[in-house]
N, C-alpha and C. Protein backbone atom coordinates (compact mmCIF):
# COMPACT_ATOMS: atom_id res chain seq x y z
N MET A 1 0.82 -1.19 0.00
CA MET A 1 0.00 0.00 0.00
C MET A 1 0.86 1.25 0.00
N ALA A 2 0.53 2.20 -0.83
CA ALA A 2 1.29 3.44 -0.89
C ALA A 2 0.86 4.36 0.24
N ARG A 3 1.83 4.99 0.84
CA ARG A 3 1.52 5.95 1.92
C ARG A 3 1.11 7.27 1.30
N LYS A 4 0.13 7.87 1.93
CA LYS A 4 -0.33 9.18 1.49
C LYS A 4 0.66 10.23 1.98
N LYS A 5 1.10 11.08 1.07
CA LYS A 5 2.06 12.12 1.41
C LYS A 5 1.36 13.20 2.23
N LYS A 6 1.95 13.57 3.39
CA LYS A 6 1.37 14.60 4.25
C LYS A 6 1.56 15.97 3.59
N GLU A 7 0.45 16.67 3.45
CA GLU A 7 0.51 18.01 2.89
C GLU A 7 1.01 18.97 3.96
N ILE A 8 1.94 19.84 3.60
CA ILE A 8 2.50 20.79 4.56
C ILE A 8 1.54 21.96 4.70
N ASP A 9 1.19 22.27 5.94
CA ASP A 9 0.33 23.39 6.26
C ASP A 9 1.21 24.62 6.46
N ILE A 10 0.70 25.78 6.13
CA ILE A 10 1.48 27.02 6.27
C ILE A 10 1.91 27.23 7.72
N PHE A 11 1.11 26.74 8.68
CA PHE A 11 1.47 26.89 10.09
C PHE A 11 2.63 25.97 10.48
N ASP A 12 2.99 25.04 9.61
CA ASP A 12 4.16 24.19 9.85
C ASP A 12 5.47 24.94 9.59
N VAL A 13 5.40 26.04 8.83
CA VAL A 13 6.63 26.73 8.42
C VAL A 13 6.78 28.13 9.00
N ILE A 14 5.79 28.61 9.74
CA ILE A 14 5.94 29.94 10.34
C ILE A 14 6.11 29.80 11.85
N PRO A 15 6.85 30.73 12.45
CA PRO A 15 7.05 30.67 13.90
C PRO A 15 5.78 31.06 14.65
N SER A 16 5.61 30.51 15.83
CA SER A 16 4.40 30.76 16.61
C SER A 16 4.24 32.24 16.99
N GLU A 17 5.32 33.00 16.97
CA GLU A 17 5.25 34.42 17.34
C GLU A 17 4.35 35.23 16.41
N VAL A 18 4.09 34.74 15.20
CA VAL A 18 3.29 35.52 14.26
C VAL A 18 1.82 35.09 14.25
N TYR A 19 1.47 34.07 15.03
CA TYR A 19 0.08 33.60 15.07
C TYR A 19 -0.88 34.71 15.47
N ALA A 20 -0.51 35.55 16.42
CA ALA A 20 -1.40 36.63 16.89
C ALA A 20 -1.73 37.59 15.76
N ALA A 21 -0.74 37.90 14.91
CA ALA A 21 -0.97 38.80 13.78
C ALA A 21 -1.94 38.17 12.78
N ILE A 22 -1.81 36.86 12.58
CA ILE A 22 -2.71 36.15 11.66
C ILE A 22 -4.11 36.10 12.24
N ASP A 23 -4.23 35.83 13.55
CA ASP A 23 -5.54 35.85 14.20
C ASP A 23 -6.20 37.21 14.05
N LYS A 24 -5.43 38.26 14.27
CA LYS A 24 -5.96 39.62 14.17
C LYS A 24 -6.50 39.89 12.76
N LEU A 25 -5.76 39.45 11.75
CA LEU A 25 -6.21 39.61 10.36
C LEU A 25 -7.53 38.88 10.16
N GLY A 26 -7.63 37.65 10.64
CA GLY A 26 -8.85 36.86 10.47
C GLY A 26 -10.05 37.48 11.15
N TYR A 27 -9.87 37.93 12.39
CA TYR A 27 -10.99 38.55 13.11
C TYR A 27 -11.39 39.89 12.49
N SER A 28 -10.42 40.65 12.02
CA SER A 28 -10.71 41.91 11.35
C SER A 28 -11.51 41.65 10.07
N PHE A 29 -11.10 40.66 9.31
CA PHE A 29 -11.79 40.28 8.08
C PHE A 29 -13.23 39.86 8.37
N LEU A 30 -13.43 39.02 9.39
CA LEU A 30 -14.78 38.60 9.74
C LEU A 30 -15.63 39.79 10.19
N SER A 31 -15.02 40.71 10.92
CA SER A 31 -15.73 41.91 11.36
C SER A 31 -16.20 42.72 10.15
N GLU A 32 -15.34 42.84 9.15
CA GLU A 32 -15.70 43.55 7.91
C GLU A 32 -16.86 42.87 7.19
N GLN A 33 -17.02 41.57 7.41
CA GLN A 33 -18.10 40.81 6.78
C GLN A 33 -19.37 40.82 7.61
N GLY A 34 -19.38 41.59 8.71
CA GLY A 34 -20.58 41.76 9.51
C GLY A 34 -20.67 40.88 10.74
N TYR A 35 -19.61 40.16 11.05
CA TYR A 35 -19.62 39.31 12.24
C TYR A 35 -19.14 40.08 13.46
N ASN A 36 -19.70 39.74 14.62
CA ASN A 36 -19.26 40.33 15.88
C ASN A 36 -18.05 39.55 16.37
N THR A 37 -16.88 40.17 16.33
CA THR A 37 -15.64 39.50 16.74
C THR A 37 -15.08 40.09 18.03
N GLU A 38 -15.83 40.96 18.67
CA GLU A 38 -15.38 41.61 19.91
C GLU A 38 -15.01 40.56 20.96
N GLY A 39 -13.76 40.55 21.40
CA GLY A 39 -13.30 39.65 22.44
C GLY A 39 -12.97 38.24 21.98
N ALA A 40 -13.02 37.98 20.68
CA ALA A 40 -12.81 36.62 20.17
C ALA A 40 -11.39 36.12 20.41
N GLN A 41 -10.40 37.00 20.37
CA GLN A 41 -9.02 36.55 20.57
C GLN A 41 -8.79 36.08 21.99
N GLU A 42 -9.55 36.60 22.95
CA GLU A 42 -9.32 36.30 24.35
C GLU A 42 -10.25 35.22 24.92
N SER A 43 -11.38 34.97 24.27
CA SER A 43 -12.42 34.14 24.89
C SER A 43 -12.83 32.94 24.04
N ASP A 44 -12.71 31.75 24.62
CA ASP A 44 -13.19 30.53 23.95
C ASP A 44 -14.69 30.61 23.70
N GLU A 45 -15.42 31.17 24.67
CA GLU A 45 -16.87 31.27 24.55
C GLU A 45 -17.26 32.16 23.37
N VAL A 46 -16.57 33.29 23.22
CA VAL A 46 -16.87 34.20 22.11
C VAL A 46 -16.50 33.54 20.78
N ARG A 47 -15.38 32.82 20.75
CA ARG A 47 -14.99 32.12 19.51
C ARG A 47 -16.03 31.06 19.13
N THR A 48 -16.57 30.37 20.11
CA THR A 48 -17.60 29.36 19.84
C THR A 48 -18.85 30.03 19.25
N LYS A 49 -19.25 31.17 19.83
CA LYS A 49 -20.40 31.91 19.31
C LYS A 49 -20.13 32.38 17.87
N LEU A 50 -18.91 32.82 17.61
CA LEU A 50 -18.54 33.28 16.28
C LEU A 50 -18.60 32.12 15.28
N LYS A 51 -18.05 30.96 15.66
CA LYS A 51 -18.10 29.78 14.78
C LYS A 51 -19.54 29.40 14.48
N ASN A 52 -20.41 29.45 15.51
CA ASN A 52 -21.83 29.12 15.32
C ASN A 52 -22.51 30.12 14.39
N ALA A 53 -22.16 31.39 14.50
CA ALA A 53 -22.75 32.43 13.64
C ALA A 53 -22.33 32.20 12.18
N ILE A 54 -21.07 31.85 11.98
CA ILE A 54 -20.58 31.58 10.62
C ILE A 54 -21.33 30.37 10.04
N ARG A 55 -21.44 29.31 10.83
CA ARG A 55 -22.12 28.09 10.41
C ARG A 55 -23.60 28.37 10.12
N LYS A 56 -24.24 29.20 10.96
CA LYS A 56 -25.66 29.52 10.79
C LYS A 56 -25.91 30.21 9.45
N ARG A 57 -24.97 31.03 9.00
CA ARG A 57 -25.10 31.70 7.70
C ARG A 57 -24.73 30.76 6.54
N GLY A 58 -24.27 29.57 6.89
CA GLY A 58 -23.87 28.62 5.84
C GLY A 58 -22.53 28.97 5.22
N GLU A 59 -21.71 29.68 5.98
CA GLU A 59 -20.41 30.11 5.47
C GLU A 59 -19.27 29.35 6.13
N GLU A 60 -18.11 29.46 5.51
CA GLU A 60 -16.91 28.81 6.03
C GLU A 60 -15.72 29.75 5.81
N LEU A 61 -14.93 29.93 6.86
CA LEU A 61 -13.71 30.74 6.78
C LEU A 61 -12.55 29.79 6.49
N ARG A 62 -11.79 30.10 5.45
CA ARG A 62 -10.63 29.29 5.09
C ARG A 62 -9.40 30.19 5.06
N TYR A 63 -8.27 29.63 5.47
CA TYR A 63 -7.02 30.38 5.38
C TYR A 63 -6.14 29.74 4.33
N PHE A 64 -5.28 30.58 3.75
CA PHE A 64 -4.37 30.13 2.70
C PHE A 64 -2.99 30.72 2.95
N GLY A 65 -2.00 30.06 2.43
CA GLY A 65 -0.64 30.57 2.55
C GLY A 65 0.16 30.18 1.32
N ALA A 66 1.12 31.01 1.00
CA ALA A 66 2.02 30.76 -0.12
C ALA A 66 3.41 31.21 0.27
N VAL A 67 4.41 30.51 -0.24
CA VAL A 67 5.80 30.84 0.05
C VAL A 67 6.49 31.20 -1.26
N ASP A 68 7.13 32.36 -1.28
CA ASP A 68 7.94 32.76 -2.43
C ASP A 68 9.27 32.03 -2.33
N LYS A 69 9.55 31.16 -3.28
CA LYS A 69 10.75 30.33 -3.21
C LYS A 69 12.04 31.14 -3.26
N GLY A 70 12.02 32.26 -3.95
CA GLY A 70 13.22 33.09 -4.04
C GLY A 70 13.54 33.84 -2.76
N SER A 71 12.58 34.59 -2.26
CA SER A 71 12.81 35.43 -1.09
C SER A 71 12.48 34.72 0.22
N LYS A 72 11.79 33.60 0.15
CA LYS A 72 11.31 32.85 1.32
C LYS A 72 10.21 33.60 2.07
N ALA A 73 9.68 34.68 1.49
CA ALA A 73 8.58 35.42 2.11
C ALA A 73 7.33 34.54 2.12
N ILE A 74 6.52 34.68 3.16
CA ILE A 74 5.30 33.89 3.31
C ILE A 74 4.12 34.85 3.30
N LEU A 75 3.12 34.55 2.48
CA LEU A 75 1.90 35.34 2.41
C LEU A 75 0.76 34.51 2.98
N VAL A 76 -0.02 35.10 3.89
CA VAL A 76 -1.16 34.43 4.51
C VAL A 76 -2.38 35.33 4.30
N TRP A 77 -3.53 34.71 3.93
CA TRP A 77 -4.77 35.45 3.77
C TRP A 77 -5.95 34.53 4.06
N PHE A 78 -7.14 35.14 4.16
CA PHE A 78 -8.37 34.41 4.45
C PHE A 78 -9.36 34.60 3.31
N GLU A 79 -10.22 33.60 3.15
CA GLU A 79 -11.31 33.69 2.19
C GLU A 79 -12.57 33.16 2.87
N LEU A 80 -13.70 33.80 2.57
CA LEU A 80 -14.99 33.39 3.12
C LEU A 80 -15.80 32.75 2.01
N TYR A 81 -16.27 31.52 2.26
CA TYR A 81 -17.02 30.76 1.27
C TYR A 81 -18.43 30.47 1.76
N LYS A 82 -19.34 30.42 0.81
CA LYS A 82 -20.69 29.90 1.06
C LYS A 82 -20.86 28.78 0.03
N GLY A 83 -20.80 27.55 0.52
CA GLY A 83 -20.76 26.40 -0.39
C GLY A 83 -19.44 26.44 -1.15
N ASN A 84 -19.53 26.34 -2.45
CA ASN A 84 -18.31 26.40 -3.28
C ASN A 84 -18.03 27.80 -3.80
N GLU A 85 -18.88 28.76 -3.41
CA GLU A 85 -18.72 30.13 -3.90
C GLU A 85 -17.87 30.96 -2.94
N ARG A 86 -16.81 31.56 -3.46
CA ARG A 86 -15.98 32.46 -2.66
C ARG A 86 -16.68 33.80 -2.60
N LYS A 87 -17.01 34.23 -1.37
CA LYS A 87 -17.75 35.48 -1.17
C LYS A 87 -16.84 36.67 -0.97
N ALA A 88 -15.70 36.47 -0.29
CA ALA A 88 -14.82 37.59 0.03
C ALA A 88 -13.40 37.09 0.28
N VAL A 89 -12.45 37.98 0.04
CA VAL A 89 -11.03 37.68 0.26
C VAL A 89 -10.44 38.79 1.13
N SER A 90 -9.70 38.39 2.16
CA SER A 90 -9.08 39.37 3.05
C SER A 90 -7.83 39.97 2.42
N GLN A 91 -7.33 41.00 3.05
CA GLN A 91 -5.99 41.47 2.72
C GLN A 91 -5.04 40.36 3.15
N GLY A 92 -3.80 40.43 2.73
CA GLY A 92 -2.82 39.43 3.11
C GLY A 92 -1.79 40.00 4.05
N LEU A 93 -1.17 39.10 4.78
CA LEU A 93 -0.01 39.46 5.60
C LEU A 93 1.20 38.79 4.98
N LYS A 94 2.24 39.56 4.79
CA LYS A 94 3.47 39.03 4.22
C LYS A 94 4.53 39.00 5.30
N PHE A 95 5.07 37.82 5.55
CA PHE A 95 6.13 37.64 6.53
C PHE A 95 7.44 37.46 5.79
N ILE A 96 8.41 38.30 6.14
CA ILE A 96 9.69 38.30 5.46
C ILE A 96 10.77 37.82 6.42
N PRO A 97 11.61 36.87 6.00
CA PRO A 97 12.69 36.43 6.89
C PRO A 97 13.62 37.59 7.22
N LYS A 98 14.01 37.68 8.48
CA LYS A 98 15.00 38.69 8.87
C LYS A 98 16.34 38.34 8.23
N PRO A 99 17.13 39.35 7.91
CA PRO A 99 18.45 39.06 7.35
C PRO A 99 19.31 38.31 8.37
N GLY A 100 20.16 37.48 7.87
CA GLY A 100 21.04 36.71 8.75
C GLY A 100 21.34 35.37 8.14
N GLY A 101 22.32 34.72 8.65
CA GLY A 101 22.72 33.42 8.14
C GLY A 101 21.86 32.31 8.68
N GLU A 102 22.14 31.10 8.26
CA GLU A 102 21.38 29.94 8.70
C GLU A 102 22.13 29.18 9.77
N ASN A 103 23.14 29.78 10.41
CA ASN A 103 23.96 29.09 11.38
C ASN A 103 23.58 29.42 12.82
N GLY A 104 22.32 29.77 13.05
CA GLY A 104 21.86 30.03 14.42
C GLY A 104 22.43 31.31 15.00
N ASP A 105 22.60 32.33 14.19
CA ASP A 105 23.20 33.57 14.65
C ASP A 105 22.21 34.42 15.43
N ASP A 106 22.10 34.16 16.71
CA ASP A 106 21.27 34.93 17.64
C ASP A 106 19.80 34.98 17.23
N GLY A 107 19.31 33.96 16.52
CA GLY A 107 17.90 33.92 16.15
C GLY A 107 17.51 34.96 15.13
N GLU A 108 18.46 35.50 14.43
CA GLU A 108 18.14 36.55 13.47
C GLU A 108 17.36 36.04 12.26
N ASN A 109 17.32 34.76 12.04
CA ASN A 109 16.65 34.24 10.86
C ASN A 109 15.20 33.87 11.15
N GLN A 110 14.53 34.64 12.00
CA GLN A 110 13.12 34.42 12.32
C GLN A 110 12.25 35.21 11.36
N GLU A 111 11.00 34.77 11.22
CA GLU A 111 10.04 35.48 10.38
C GLU A 111 9.51 36.69 11.15
N ARG A 112 9.11 37.72 10.42
CA ARG A 112 8.50 38.89 11.03
C ARG A 112 7.45 39.44 10.09
N PRO A 113 6.38 40.04 10.61
CA PRO A 113 5.39 40.64 9.71
C PRO A 113 6.00 41.80 8.96
N SER A 114 5.60 41.96 7.73
CA SER A 114 6.05 43.08 6.92
C SER A 114 5.43 44.36 7.45
N ALA A 115 6.22 45.40 7.57
CA ALA A 115 5.73 46.68 8.07
C ALA A 115 5.12 47.53 6.97
N SER A 116 5.41 47.23 5.74
CA SER A 116 4.97 48.03 4.62
C SER A 116 3.57 47.63 4.21
N SER A 117 2.67 48.60 4.05
CA SER A 117 1.31 48.29 3.65
C SER A 117 1.27 47.83 2.20
N GLU A 118 2.24 48.22 1.40
CA GLU A 118 2.23 47.76 0.02
C GLU A 118 2.64 46.30 -0.09
N ASP A 119 3.28 45.76 0.94
CA ASP A 119 3.59 44.34 0.96
C ASP A 119 2.36 43.51 1.30
N ASN A 120 1.36 44.12 1.90
CA ASN A 120 0.15 43.42 2.30
C ASN A 120 -0.86 43.55 1.17
N ALA A 121 -1.09 42.46 0.49
CA ALA A 121 -2.00 42.50 -0.66
C ALA A 121 -3.31 41.85 -0.33
């Protein structure tokens, strides 16, 4: 029997320090779509209510990521679907590797959110 190749998730390649920025993007995007996201980052109860509201509308929030092979920059964004129809696309966050070598030089080779708004598509 052939083994199924595990698909790499974007969260497998980004450091946990940037998760909060990605969460903020997702909640901001949902808020723009008319959902109440107040307190969702801090409260499991609020997140459960938010998930139920999304499900009640028949919608699904999906996240996507892409890696630029040349620069190693990572782009993350969200899309809102109703069935197979894409209803909305969020802005993106671009994470750019800090300059530095790959020899463990004081952790300088960590990812960081891009500060430039033109990098966020």
